[in-house]
Amino acid sequence: MKLLTIAMAKGRVADEAIQLIERTGLYFPDYHNESRKLLFTDDRKHIKLIFVKAVDVPTYVEKGAADIGLVGKDVLMEDPKEVYELMDLGIGKCKLSVAGFVGAEITESSYLSVASKYPNVAKAYFEEMNIRTDIIKLNGSVELAPLIGMADVIVDIVETGTTLKENGLTVLADIVDISVKLIVNKASYAIKTDEIQQFMKHLYAGLEVRI
């Protein structure tokens, strides 16, 4: 079997993904979530895991540094790459939403300042609604923007809504459901078709066991 290199980001989603992979019978004895290592190989030398920033996963796959990537749909929407999106792992579920103060109205006559880590997604969403916007790119703590008058609304990932509530904000509209996708390098899929399809088959089996 040809070695497959898989790129993903560390964190809760990675822990879930590795648990899923281990249901295929491949184990990573050196892996634990507090390790600072960035590269792990399974005990059979079939899979090599590399850990990178979530936003960089599609780039590693597109450029062929990884055959497969596990990454949230939000990342793929914000910065599309020339990769195949082949599978939904059903983990890391959340929503990409518009949030603001309770009672805020969004209409076609609105001119909104919008703070977001996802400026391209935010712009496309409001353009489709014929709403004029000033998009403000922020890399963190976007909930602060409405509180200090920097933005009218935000576009961000929402899991439980607890952070929004604690800051006096609420979801005004949901843009899209988000979960972790399996993406594949196009050349890898041609060269390692059997290995990639077999790996996906095992993942599907693992998902059925979890369900």
N, C-alpha and C. Protein backbone atom coordinates (compact mmCIF):
# COMPACT_ATOMS: atom_id res chain seq x y z
N MET A 1 0.84 -1.20 0.00
CA MET A 1 0.00 0.00 0.00
C MET A 1 0.87 1.25 0.00
N LYS A 2 0.54 2.20 -0.88
CA LYS A 2 1.29 3.45 -0.94
C LYS A 2 0.92 4.31 0.27
N LEU A 3 1.93 4.97 0.82
CA LEU A 3 1.73 5.82 2.00
C LEU A 3 0.84 7.01 1.63
N LEU A 4 -0.16 7.27 2.46
CA LEU A 4 -1.01 8.43 2.29
C LEU A 4 -0.66 9.48 3.34
N THR A 5 -0.50 10.72 2.90
CA THR A 5 -0.24 11.82 3.82
C THR A 5 -1.51 12.62 4.00
N ILE A 6 -1.89 12.80 5.26
CA ILE A 6 -3.15 13.50 5.59
C ILE A 6 -2.83 14.74 6.41
N ALA A 7 -3.35 15.88 5.97
CA ALA A 7 -3.15 17.15 6.67
C ALA A 7 -4.42 17.52 7.44
N MET A 8 -4.24 17.99 8.66
CA MET A 8 -5.36 18.49 9.46
C MET A 8 -4.82 19.44 10.52
N ALA A 9 -5.73 20.11 11.20
CA ALA A 9 -5.34 21.01 12.28
C ALA A 9 -5.53 20.31 13.62
N LYS A 10 -4.70 20.66 14.59
CA LYS A 10 -4.85 20.08 15.93
C LYS A 10 -6.09 20.65 16.61
N GLY A 11 -6.56 19.92 17.63
CA GLY A 11 -7.71 20.38 18.38
C GLY A 11 -8.76 19.29 18.50
N ARG A 12 -9.96 19.69 18.91
CA ARG A 12 -11.04 18.73 19.15
C ARG A 12 -11.40 17.95 17.89
N VAL A 13 -11.45 18.65 16.76
CA VAL A 13 -11.80 17.98 15.51
C VAL A 13 -10.75 16.93 15.15
N ALA A 14 -9.47 17.26 15.36
CA ALA A 14 -8.40 16.29 15.08
C ALA A 14 -8.55 15.06 15.96
N ASP A 15 -8.89 15.26 17.23
CA ASP A 15 -9.08 14.12 18.13
C ASP A 15 -10.21 13.22 17.62
N GLU A 16 -11.31 13.84 17.18
CA GLU A 16 -12.43 13.06 16.65
C GLU A 16 -12.03 12.35 15.36
N ALA A 17 -11.27 13.05 14.50
CA ALA A 17 -10.86 12.46 13.23
C ALA A 17 -9.94 11.27 13.46
N ILE A 18 -9.02 11.39 14.41
CA ILE A 18 -8.09 10.29 14.68
C ILE A 18 -8.84 9.10 15.27
N GLN A 19 -9.80 9.36 16.13
CA GLN A 19 -10.63 8.27 16.65
C GLN A 19 -11.34 7.55 15.51
N LEU A 20 -11.80 8.32 14.54
CA LEU A 20 -12.47 7.74 13.38
C LEU A 20 -11.50 6.92 12.56
N ILE A 21 -10.30 7.45 12.33
CA ILE A 21 -9.29 6.72 11.56
C ILE A 21 -8.89 5.44 12.27
N GLU A 22 -8.79 5.51 13.59
CA GLU A 22 -8.38 4.32 14.34
C GLU A 22 -9.43 3.21 14.29
N ARG A 23 -10.68 3.58 13.98
CA ARG A 23 -11.69 2.55 13.78
C ARG A 23 -11.42 1.73 12.52
N THR A 24 -10.53 2.25 11.63
CA THR A 24 -10.17 1.50 10.43
C THR A 24 -9.09 0.46 10.74
N GLY A 25 -8.58 0.46 11.98
CA GLY A 25 -7.54 -0.49 12.36
C GLY A 25 -6.15 0.08 12.30
N LEU A 26 -6.04 1.38 12.04
CA LEU A 26 -4.74 2.05 12.02
C LEU A 26 -4.59 2.86 13.30
N TYR A 27 -3.47 2.72 13.98
CA TYR A 27 -3.27 3.37 15.27
C TYR A 27 -2.02 4.24 15.27
N PHE A 28 -2.11 5.31 16.04
CA PHE A 28 -1.01 6.27 16.14
C PHE A 28 -0.52 6.28 17.59
N PRO A 29 0.38 5.35 17.94
CA PRO A 29 0.77 5.17 19.34
C PRO A 29 1.43 6.40 19.97
N ASP A 30 2.03 7.27 19.15
CA ASP A 30 2.71 8.45 19.69
C ASP A 30 1.81 9.66 19.83
N TYR A 31 0.59 9.56 19.31
CA TYR A 31 -0.27 10.74 19.30
C TYR A 31 -0.99 10.93 20.63
N HIS A 32 -0.97 12.16 21.11
CA HIS A 32 -1.86 12.60 22.18
C HIS A 32 -2.06 14.10 22.00
N ASN A 33 -3.19 14.60 22.46
CA ASN A 33 -3.57 15.96 22.11
C ASN A 33 -2.71 17.06 22.72
N GLU A 34 -1.81 16.70 23.63
CA GLU A 34 -0.92 17.70 24.20
C GLU A 34 0.48 17.66 23.58
N SER A 35 0.69 16.75 22.65
CA SER A 35 1.99 16.63 22.01
C SER A 35 2.27 17.85 21.13
N ARG A 36 3.53 18.25 21.06
CA ARG A 36 3.94 19.36 20.21
C ARG A 36 4.45 18.87 18.85
N LYS A 37 4.49 17.56 18.68
CA LYS A 37 4.92 17.01 17.39
C LYS A 37 3.93 17.39 16.30
N LEU A 38 4.44 17.55 15.10
CA LEU A 38 3.61 17.95 13.97
C LEU A 38 3.46 16.84 12.95
N LEU A 39 4.10 15.71 13.17
CA LEU A 39 4.05 14.60 12.22
C LEU A 39 3.96 13.28 12.96
N PHE A 40 3.01 12.45 12.56
CA PHE A 40 2.82 11.14 13.18
C PHE A 40 2.58 10.10 12.08
N THR A 41 3.08 8.89 12.31
CA THR A 41 2.85 7.78 11.38
C THR A 41 2.18 6.65 12.13
N ASP A 42 1.22 5.98 11.48
CA ASP A 42 0.53 4.89 12.15
C ASP A 42 1.43 3.68 12.30
N ASP A 43 1.00 2.73 13.11
CA ASP A 43 1.84 1.59 13.43
C ASP A 43 2.11 0.67 12.25
N ARG A 44 1.32 0.79 11.17
CA ARG A 44 1.54 -0.05 10.00
C ARG A 44 2.28 0.68 8.88
N LYS A 45 2.58 1.97 9.12
CA LYS A 45 3.26 2.81 8.12
C LYS A 45 2.41 3.00 6.86
N HIS A 46 1.10 3.08 7.05
CA HIS A 46 0.19 3.32 5.93
C HIS A 46 -0.21 4.79 5.81
N ILE A 47 -0.29 5.46 6.96
CA ILE A 47 -0.78 6.84 7.02
C ILE A 47 0.23 7.73 7.74
N LYS A 48 0.49 8.89 7.13
CA LYS A 48 1.31 9.90 7.80
C LYS A 48 0.41 11.12 8.04
N LEU A 49 0.30 11.53 9.30
CA LEU A 49 -0.47 12.71 9.64
C LEU A 49 0.46 13.91 9.79
N ILE A 50 0.09 15.02 9.19
CA ILE A 50 0.82 16.27 9.41
C ILE A 50 -0.17 17.31 9.93
N PHE A 51 0.26 18.03 10.95
CA PHE A 51 -0.61 19.02 11.59
C PHE A 51 -0.19 20.42 11.18
N VAL A 52 -1.15 21.17 10.63
CA VAL A 52 -0.90 22.52 10.14
C VAL A 52 -2.07 23.41 10.59
N LYS A 53 -1.98 24.69 10.35
CA LYS A 53 -3.10 25.59 10.63
C LYS A 53 -4.28 25.20 9.76
N ALA A 54 -5.48 25.31 10.31
CA ALA A 54 -6.68 24.90 9.57
C ALA A 54 -6.77 25.61 8.22
N VAL A 55 -6.46 26.91 8.21
CA VAL A 55 -6.59 27.66 6.95
C VAL A 55 -5.57 27.22 5.91
N ASP A 56 -4.51 26.52 6.35
CA ASP A 56 -3.48 26.08 5.41
C ASP A 56 -3.71 24.68 4.86
N VAL A 57 -4.64 23.94 5.45
CA VAL A 57 -4.86 22.55 5.01
C VAL A 57 -5.14 22.47 3.51
N PRO A 58 -6.08 23.26 2.95
CA PRO A 58 -6.34 23.15 1.52
C PRO A 58 -5.11 23.46 0.66
N THR A 59 -4.26 24.37 1.12
CA THR A 59 -3.06 24.71 0.35
C THR A 59 -2.09 23.53 0.32
N TYR A 60 -1.90 22.87 1.46
CA TYR A 60 -1.03 21.70 1.50
C TYR A 60 -1.54 20.62 0.55
N VAL A 61 -2.86 20.47 0.48
CA VAL A 61 -3.43 19.45 -0.40
C VAL A 61 -3.33 19.88 -1.86
N GLU A 62 -3.66 21.11 -2.15
CA GLU A 62 -3.60 21.59 -3.53
C GLU A 62 -2.19 21.48 -4.10
N LYS A 63 -1.18 21.78 -3.28
CA LYS A 63 0.20 21.77 -3.74
C LYS A 63 0.83 20.38 -3.72
N GLY A 64 0.10 19.39 -3.20
CA GLY A 64 0.61 18.02 -3.21
C GLY A 64 1.48 17.65 -2.03
N ALA A 65 1.60 18.56 -1.05
CA ALA A 65 2.36 18.21 0.16
C ALA A 65 1.58 17.20 1.00
N ALA A 66 0.29 17.14 0.79
CA ALA A 66 -0.57 16.13 1.43
C ALA A 66 -1.49 15.56 0.37
N ASP A 67 -1.75 14.26 0.46
CA ASP A 67 -2.70 13.64 -0.47
C ASP A 67 -4.13 13.96 -0.10
N ILE A 68 -4.39 14.00 1.20
CA ILE A 68 -5.73 14.18 1.75
C ILE A 68 -5.71 15.29 2.80
N GLY A 69 -6.79 16.02 2.90
CA GLY A 69 -6.93 17.00 3.96
C GLY A 69 -8.27 16.84 4.64
N LEU A 70 -8.30 17.09 5.93
CA LEU A 70 -9.55 17.11 6.71
C LEU A 70 -9.72 18.54 7.21
N VAL A 71 -10.76 19.20 6.74
CA VAL A 71 -10.89 20.63 7.01
C VAL A 71 -12.35 21.05 6.98
N GLY A 72 -12.68 22.08 7.74
CA GLY A 72 -14.04 22.59 7.79
C GLY A 72 -14.48 23.22 6.48
N LYS A 73 -15.76 23.07 6.19
CA LYS A 73 -16.33 23.65 4.97
C LYS A 73 -16.15 25.16 4.94
N ASP A 74 -16.11 25.82 6.11
CA ASP A 74 -15.93 27.26 6.16
C ASP A 74 -14.62 27.69 5.52
N VAL A 75 -13.55 26.93 5.77
CA VAL A 75 -12.24 27.24 5.19
C VAL A 75 -12.28 27.10 3.67
N LEU A 76 -12.94 26.06 3.19
CA LEU A 76 -13.03 25.82 1.75
C LEU A 76 -13.86 26.91 1.06
N MET A 77 -14.88 27.39 1.73
CA MET A 77 -15.71 28.44 1.15
C MET A 77 -14.99 29.78 1.09
N GLU A 78 -14.22 30.07 2.12
CA GLU A 78 -13.55 31.36 2.19
C GLU A 78 -12.43 31.48 1.16
N ASP A 79 -11.71 30.39 0.94
CA ASP A 79 -10.56 30.43 0.02
C ASP A 79 -10.53 29.14 -0.81
N PRO A 80 -11.38 29.03 -1.83
CA PRO A 80 -11.47 27.80 -2.61
C PRO A 80 -10.14 27.43 -3.27
N LYS A 81 -9.87 26.13 -3.30
CA LYS A 81 -8.66 25.60 -3.91
C LYS A 81 -9.01 24.55 -4.96
N GLU A 82 -8.03 24.23 -5.81
CA GLU A 82 -8.23 23.21 -6.83
C GLU A 82 -8.00 21.83 -6.23
N VAL A 83 -9.00 21.34 -5.52
CA VAL A 83 -8.94 20.03 -4.89
C VAL A 83 -10.29 19.34 -5.10
N TYR A 84 -10.31 18.03 -4.88
CA TYR A 84 -11.58 17.30 -4.89
C TYR A 84 -12.14 17.27 -3.47
N GLU A 85 -13.41 17.59 -3.33
CA GLU A 85 -14.11 17.45 -2.05
C GLU A 85 -14.96 16.19 -2.15
N LEU A 86 -14.56 15.13 -1.44
CA LEU A 86 -15.13 13.82 -1.69
C LEU A 86 -16.01 13.26 -0.57
N MET A 87 -15.92 13.82 0.63
CA MET A 87 -16.61 13.15 1.73
C MET A 87 -16.90 14.12 2.86
N ASP A 88 -18.05 13.95 3.48
CA ASP A 88 -18.41 14.70 4.69
C ASP A 88 -18.24 13.76 5.87
N LEU A 89 -17.35 14.12 6.80
CA LEU A 89 -17.09 13.26 7.94
C LEU A 89 -18.13 13.40 9.04
N GLY A 90 -18.96 14.42 8.95
CA GLY A 90 -20.02 14.58 9.94
C GLY A 90 -19.51 14.94 11.33
N ILE A 91 -18.29 15.45 11.43
CA ILE A 91 -17.76 15.90 12.72
C ILE A 91 -17.48 17.40 12.66
N GLY A 92 -17.30 18.00 13.82
CA GLY A 92 -17.06 19.44 13.85
C GLY A 92 -18.26 20.24 13.38
N LYS A 93 -19.46 19.74 13.65
CA LYS A 93 -20.66 20.40 13.14
C LYS A 93 -20.93 21.73 13.85
N CYS A 94 -21.25 22.73 13.04
CA CYS A 94 -21.60 24.06 13.55
C CYS A 94 -22.27 24.81 12.41
N LYS A 95 -22.46 26.10 12.58
CA LYS A 95 -23.07 26.92 11.53
C LYS A 95 -22.24 28.18 11.32
N LEU A 96 -22.23 28.64 10.09
CA LEU A 96 -21.68 29.96 9.80
C LEU A 96 -22.87 30.90 9.76
N SER A 97 -22.85 31.89 10.65
CA SER A 97 -24.06 32.69 10.87
C SER A 97 -23.76 34.19 10.91
N VAL A 98 -24.82 34.96 10.70
CA VAL A 98 -24.79 36.40 10.93
C VAL A 98 -25.31 36.64 12.34
N ALA A 99 -24.60 37.44 13.11
CA ALA A 99 -25.01 37.72 14.49
C ALA A 99 -24.92 39.22 14.76
N GLY A 100 -25.76 39.65 15.68
CA GLY A 100 -25.76 41.05 16.06
C GLY A 100 -26.61 41.24 17.30
N PHE A 101 -26.98 42.48 17.57
CA PHE A 101 -27.81 42.76 18.75
C PHE A 101 -29.23 42.24 18.54
N VAL A 102 -29.85 41.83 19.62
CA VAL A 102 -31.23 41.37 19.57
C VAL A 102 -32.13 42.46 18.99
N GLY A 103 -32.94 42.08 18.03
CA GLY A 103 -33.87 43.04 17.43
C GLY A 103 -33.32 43.75 16.21
N ALA A 104 -32.06 43.56 15.91
CA ALA A 104 -31.47 44.21 14.72
C ALA A 104 -32.15 43.66 13.46
N GLU A 105 -32.42 44.56 12.52
CA GLU A 105 -33.09 44.17 11.28
C GLU A 105 -32.12 44.30 10.12
N ILE A 106 -32.18 43.32 9.22
CA ILE A 106 -31.36 43.34 8.02
C ILE A 106 -32.29 43.38 6.82
N THR A 107 -32.28 44.49 6.10
CA THR A 107 -33.16 44.63 4.93
C THR A 107 -32.33 45.09 3.74
N GLU A 108 -32.96 45.08 2.56
CA GLU A 108 -32.25 45.47 1.34
C GLU A 108 -31.85 46.94 1.37
N SER A 109 -32.52 47.73 2.19
CA SER A 109 -32.17 49.14 2.28
C SER A 109 -31.03 49.39 3.26
N SER A 110 -30.59 48.32 3.91
CA SER A 110 -29.53 48.46 4.91
C SER A 110 -28.19 48.73 4.25
N TYR A 111 -27.36 49.45 4.98
CA TYR A 111 -25.93 49.54 4.64
C TYR A 111 -25.20 49.11 5.90
N LEU A 112 -24.61 47.94 5.85
CA LEU A 112 -24.07 47.32 7.05
C LEU A 112 -22.55 47.29 7.05
N SER A 113 -22.00 47.56 8.21
CA SER A 113 -20.59 47.25 8.43
C SER A 113 -20.55 45.86 9.06
N VAL A 114 -19.75 44.98 8.47
CA VAL A 114 -19.74 43.57 8.85
C VAL A 114 -18.31 43.15 9.20
N ALA A 115 -18.14 42.67 10.42
CA ALA A 115 -16.82 42.18 10.84
C ALA A 115 -16.81 40.66 10.75
N SER A 116 -15.73 40.10 10.22
CA SER A 116 -15.69 38.66 10.05
C SER A 116 -14.28 38.14 9.78
N LYS A 117 -14.05 36.88 10.18
CA LYS A 117 -12.85 36.15 9.77
C LYS A 117 -13.03 35.62 8.35
N TYR A 118 -14.25 35.75 7.84
CA TYR A 118 -14.60 35.19 6.53
C TYR A 118 -15.11 36.30 5.61
N PRO A 119 -14.27 37.25 5.23
CA PRO A 119 -14.74 38.39 4.45
C PRO A 119 -15.32 38.01 3.09
N ASN A 120 -14.76 37.02 2.43
CA ASN A 120 -15.26 36.62 1.11
C ASN A 120 -16.64 36.00 1.20
N VAL A 121 -16.82 35.13 2.19
CA VAL A 121 -18.14 34.50 2.39
C VAL A 121 -19.16 35.56 2.78
N ALA A 122 -18.78 36.44 3.69
CA ALA A 122 -19.70 37.49 4.13
C ALA A 122 -20.11 38.40 2.98
N LYS A 123 -19.14 38.80 2.18
CA LYS A 123 -19.44 39.68 1.05
C LYS A 123 -20.39 39.01 0.07
N ALA A 124 -20.11 37.75 -0.26
CA ALA A 124 -20.95 37.03 -1.22
C ALA A 124 -22.37 36.86 -0.69
N TYR A 125 -22.49 36.58 0.60
CA TYR A 125 -23.81 36.37 1.20
C TYR A 125 -24.66 37.63 1.11
N PHE A 126 -24.09 38.77 1.51
CA PHE A 126 -24.87 40.01 1.51
C PHE A 126 -25.10 40.54 0.10
N GLU A 127 -24.16 40.30 -0.82
CA GLU A 127 -24.38 40.70 -2.21
C GLU A 127 -25.57 39.95 -2.80
N GLU A 128 -25.69 38.66 -2.46
CA GLU A 128 -26.81 37.86 -2.95
C GLU A 128 -28.14 38.41 -2.43
N MET A 129 -28.09 39.05 -1.26
CA MET A 129 -29.30 39.63 -0.68
C MET A 129 -29.48 41.09 -1.10
N ASN A 130 -28.58 41.58 -1.97
CA ASN A 130 -28.63 42.97 -2.45
C ASN A 130 -28.48 43.98 -1.32
N ILE A 131 -27.65 43.62 -0.34
CA ILE A 131 -27.38 44.51 0.79
C ILE A 131 -25.96 45.05 0.66
N ARG A 132 -25.85 46.36 0.70
CA ARG A 132 -24.53 46.99 0.60
C ARG A 132 -23.80 46.85 1.94
N THR A 133 -22.50 46.60 1.85
CA THR A 133 -21.73 46.35 3.07
C THR A 133 -20.35 47.00 3.04
N ASP A 134 -19.84 47.20 4.21
CA ASP A 134 -18.43 47.52 4.41
C ASP A 134 -17.87 46.34 5.20
N ILE A 135 -17.06 45.52 4.57
CA ILE A 135 -16.56 44.31 5.20
C ILE A 135 -15.25 44.61 5.93
N ILE A 136 -15.20 44.22 7.20
CA ILE A 136 -14.01 44.43 8.03
C ILE A 136 -13.41 43.08 8.37
N LYS A 137 -12.20 42.83 7.91
CA LYS A 137 -11.54 41.54 8.17
C LYS A 137 -10.90 41.57 9.57
N LEU A 138 -11.32 40.64 10.42
CA LEU A 138 -10.73 40.47 11.73
C LEU A 138 -10.28 39.02 11.88
N ASN A 139 -9.25 38.79 12.67
CA ASN A 139 -8.73 37.44 12.85
C ASN A 139 -9.15 36.79 14.16
N GLY A 140 -9.77 37.55 15.03
CA GLY A 140 -10.19 36.97 16.30
C GLY A 140 -11.07 37.94 17.07
N SER A 141 -11.80 37.40 18.06
CA SER A 141 -12.68 38.20 18.93
C SER A 141 -13.62 39.09 18.13
N VAL A 142 -14.22 38.53 17.09
CA VAL A 142 -15.11 39.34 16.26
C VAL A 142 -16.34 39.81 17.03
N GLU A 143 -16.70 39.10 18.11
CA GLU A 143 -17.87 39.50 18.90
C GLU A 143 -17.70 40.90 19.49
N LEU A 144 -16.46 41.34 19.63
CA LEU A 144 -16.19 42.65 20.21
C LEU A 144 -16.61 43.79 19.28
N ALA A 145 -16.58 43.55 17.98
CA ALA A 145 -16.81 44.62 17.00
C ALA A 145 -18.13 45.35 17.19
N PRO A 146 -19.27 44.65 17.34
CA PRO A 146 -20.52 45.40 17.56
C PRO A 146 -20.55 46.11 18.91
N LEU A 147 -19.89 45.54 19.89
CA LEU A 147 -19.94 46.10 21.24
C LEU A 147 -19.28 47.47 21.32
N ILE A 148 -18.29 47.69 20.47
CA ILE A 148 -17.57 48.96 20.51
C ILE A 148 -17.93 49.86 19.33
N GLY A 149 -18.96 49.46 18.58
CA GLY A 149 -19.43 50.28 17.47
C GLY A 149 -18.60 50.18 16.21
N MET A 150 -17.75 49.17 16.13
CA MET A 150 -16.91 48.99 14.95
C MET A 150 -17.69 48.37 13.79
N ALA A 151 -18.69 47.57 14.12
CA ALA A 151 -19.48 46.90 13.09
C ALA A 151 -20.92 46.77 13.56
N ASP A 152 -21.82 46.68 12.59
CA ASP A 152 -23.23 46.47 12.91
C ASP A 152 -23.51 45.01 13.24
N VAL A 153 -22.91 44.12 12.45
CA VAL A 153 -23.10 42.68 12.63
C VAL A 153 -21.77 41.97 12.41
N ILE A 154 -21.77 40.69 12.74
CA ILE A 154 -20.59 39.86 12.47
C ILE A 154 -21.03 38.61 11.69
N VAL A 155 -20.09 38.02 11.01
CA VAL A 155 -20.30 36.70 10.39
C VAL A 155 -19.24 35.80 10.98
N ASP A 156 -19.70 34.73 11.66
CA ASP A 156 -18.74 33.88 12.36
C ASP A 156 -19.32 32.48 12.56
N ILE A 157 -18.44 31.57 12.98
CA ILE A 157 -18.84 30.21 13.32
C ILE A 157 -19.60 30.22 14.64
N VAL A 158 -20.72 29.52 14.69
CA VAL A 158 -21.52 29.41 15.91
C VAL A 158 -21.74 27.93 16.21
N GLU A 159 -21.34 27.52 17.41
CA GLU A 159 -21.59 26.14 17.83
C GLU A 159 -22.77 26.11 18.81
N THR A 160 -22.58 26.64 20.00
CA THR A 160 -23.64 26.63 21.00
C THR A 160 -24.32 27.99 21.14
N GLY A 161 -23.67 29.04 20.71
CA GLY A 161 -24.22 30.39 20.87
C GLY A 161 -23.93 31.00 22.22
N THR A 162 -23.19 30.29 23.07
CA THR A 162 -22.91 30.77 24.43
C THR A 162 -22.09 32.06 24.41
N THR A 163 -21.05 32.11 23.57
CA THR A 163 -20.20 33.31 23.51
C THR A 163 -20.99 34.51 23.04
N LEU A 164 -21.86 34.30 22.06
CA LEU A 164 -22.71 35.41 21.59
C LEU A 164 -23.59 35.92 22.73
N LYS A 165 -24.25 35.00 23.41
CA LYS A 165 -25.17 35.37 24.49
C LYS A 165 -24.46 36.13 25.59
N GLU A 166 -23.26 35.68 25.94
CA GLU A 166 -22.52 36.34 27.01
C GLU A 166 -22.09 37.75 26.63
N ASN A 167 -22.09 38.03 25.34
CA ASN A 167 -21.72 39.37 24.86
C ASN A 167 -22.92 40.16 24.35
N GLY A 168 -24.11 39.70 24.72
CA GLY A 168 -25.32 40.44 24.37
C GLY A 168 -25.71 40.36 22.91
N LEU A 169 -25.24 39.33 22.21
CA LEU A 169 -25.54 39.17 20.78
C LEU A 169 -26.38 37.92 20.56
N THR A 170 -26.94 37.84 19.36
CA THR A 170 -27.74 36.67 19.01
C THR A 170 -27.61 36.38 17.52
N VAL A 171 -27.94 35.17 17.13
CA VAL A 171 -27.92 34.81 15.71
C VAL A 171 -29.09 35.49 15.01
N LEU A 172 -28.80 36.21 13.93
CA LEU A 172 -29.83 36.88 13.14
C LEU A 172 -30.19 36.07 11.90
N ALA A 173 -29.23 35.31 11.39
CA ALA A 173 -29.48 34.48 10.20
C ALA A 173 -28.38 33.44 10.09
N ASP A 174 -28.74 32.26 9.66
CA ASP A 174 -27.76 31.21 9.39
C ASP A 174 -27.41 31.22 7.91
N ILE A 175 -26.12 31.16 7.61
CA ILE A 175 -25.67 31.17 6.21
C ILE A 175 -25.54 29.75 5.68
N VAL A 176 -24.85 28.88 6.43
CA VAL A 176 -24.62 27.52 5.94
C VAL A 176 -24.23 26.62 7.10
N ASP A 177 -24.60 25.36 7.00
CA ASP A 177 -24.14 24.36 7.95
C ASP A 177 -22.70 23.98 7.63
N ILE A 178 -21.91 23.81 8.68
CA ILE A 178 -20.48 23.51 8.53
C ILE A 178 -20.17 22.17 9.17
N SER A 179 -19.32 21.41 8.52
CA SER A 179 -18.77 20.18 9.09
C SER A 179 -17.43 19.92 8.42
N VAL A 180 -16.73 18.90 8.89
CA VAL A 180 -15.40 18.61 8.34
C VAL A 180 -15.53 17.80 7.06
N LYS A 181 -14.81 18.25 6.04
CA LYS A 181 -14.82 17.60 4.74
C LYS A 181 -13.47 16.90 4.48
N LEU A 182 -13.53 15.84 3.71
CA LEU A 182 -12.32 15.19 3.24
C LEU A 182 -12.04 15.69 1.83
N ILE A 183 -10.88 16.30 1.66
CA ILE A 183 -10.48 16.79 0.35
C ILE A 183 -9.25 16.03 -0.12
N VAL A 184 -9.07 15.97 -1.44
CA VAL A 184 -8.00 15.16 -2.02
C VAL A 184 -7.28 15.93 -3.12
N ASN A 185 -5.97 15.80 -3.15
CA ASN A 185 -5.16 16.35 -4.22
C ASN A 185 -5.51 15.65 -5.53
N LYS A 186 -5.67 16.41 -6.60
CA LYS A 186 -6.13 15.83 -7.86
C LYS A 186 -5.14 14.83 -8.44
N ALA A 187 -3.85 15.14 -8.38
CA ALA A 187 -2.84 14.20 -8.90
C ALA A 187 -2.78 12.95 -8.03
N SER A 188 -2.89 13.12 -6.72
CA SER A 188 -2.86 11.97 -5.81
C SER A 188 -4.01 11.02 -6.10
N TYR A 189 -5.17 11.60 -6.43
CA TYR A 189 -6.33 10.75 -6.68
C TYR A 189 -6.13 9.90 -7.93
N ALA A 190 -5.36 10.42 -8.88
CA ALA A 190 -5.06 9.66 -10.09
C ALA A 190 -4.01 8.58 -9.83
N ILE A 191 -3.02 8.91 -8.99
CA ILE A 191 -1.90 8.00 -8.74
C ILE A 191 -2.21 6.98 -7.65
N LYS A 192 -2.96 7.41 -6.64
CA LYS A 192 -3.24 6.56 -5.48
C LYS A 192 -4.74 6.29 -5.33
N THR A 193 -5.39 6.09 -6.46
CA THR A 193 -6.84 5.91 -6.46
C THR A 193 -7.28 4.80 -5.51
N ASP A 194 -6.67 3.64 -5.64
CA ASP A 194 -7.09 2.48 -4.84
C ASP A 194 -6.90 2.74 -3.35
N GLU A 195 -5.75 3.32 -2.99
CA GLU A 195 -5.47 3.58 -1.58
C GLU A 195 -6.45 4.59 -1.00
N ILE A 196 -6.73 5.65 -1.75
CA ILE A 196 -7.64 6.69 -1.26
C ILE A 196 -9.07 6.15 -1.15
N GLN A 197 -9.51 5.41 -2.14
CA GLN A 197 -10.86 4.85 -2.09
C GLN A 197 -11.00 3.84 -0.96
N GLN A 198 -9.96 3.05 -0.74
CA GLN A 198 -10.01 2.08 0.35
C GLN A 198 -10.05 2.79 1.70
N PHE A 199 -9.27 3.84 1.83
CA PHE A 199 -9.26 4.63 3.07
C PHE A 199 -10.64 5.22 3.32
N MET A 200 -11.25 5.77 2.28
CA MET A 200 -12.59 6.34 2.43
C MET A 200 -13.61 5.27 2.79
N LYS A 201 -13.47 4.10 2.19
CA LYS A 201 -14.38 3.00 2.50
C LYS A 201 -14.31 2.65 3.98
N HIS A 202 -13.10 2.61 4.52
CA HIS A 202 -12.92 2.32 5.94
C HIS A 202 -13.53 3.43 6.80
N LEU A 203 -13.37 4.68 6.37
CA LEU A 203 -13.94 5.79 7.12
C LEU A 203 -15.47 5.70 7.15
N TYR A 204 -16.07 5.39 6.01
CA TYR A 204 -17.52 5.23 5.98
C TYR A 204 -17.96 4.15 6.96
N ALA A 205 -17.20 3.06 6.99
CA ALA A 205 -17.52 1.96 7.93
C ALA A 205 -17.41 2.47 9.37
N GLY A 206 -16.38 3.26 9.65
CA GLY A 206 -16.20 3.83 10.98
C GLY A 206 -17.32 4.76 11.37
N LEU A 207 -17.82 5.53 10.40
CA LEU A 207 -18.93 6.44 10.67
C LEU A 207 -20.19 5.67 11.00
N GLU A 208 -20.41 4.56 10.32
CA GLU A 208 -21.59 3.75 10.60
C GLU A 208 -21.52 3.14 12.01
N VAL A 209 -20.31 2.75 12.42
CA VAL A 209 -20.14 2.21 13.77
C VAL A 209 -20.47 3.29 14.81
N ARG A 210 -19.98 4.52 14.54
CA ARG A 210 -20.22 5.61 15.49
C ARG A 210 -21.68 5.94 15.59
N ILE A 211 -22.37 5.95 14.44
CA ILE A 211 -23.80 6.25 14.44
C ILE A 211 -24.58 5.16 15.16
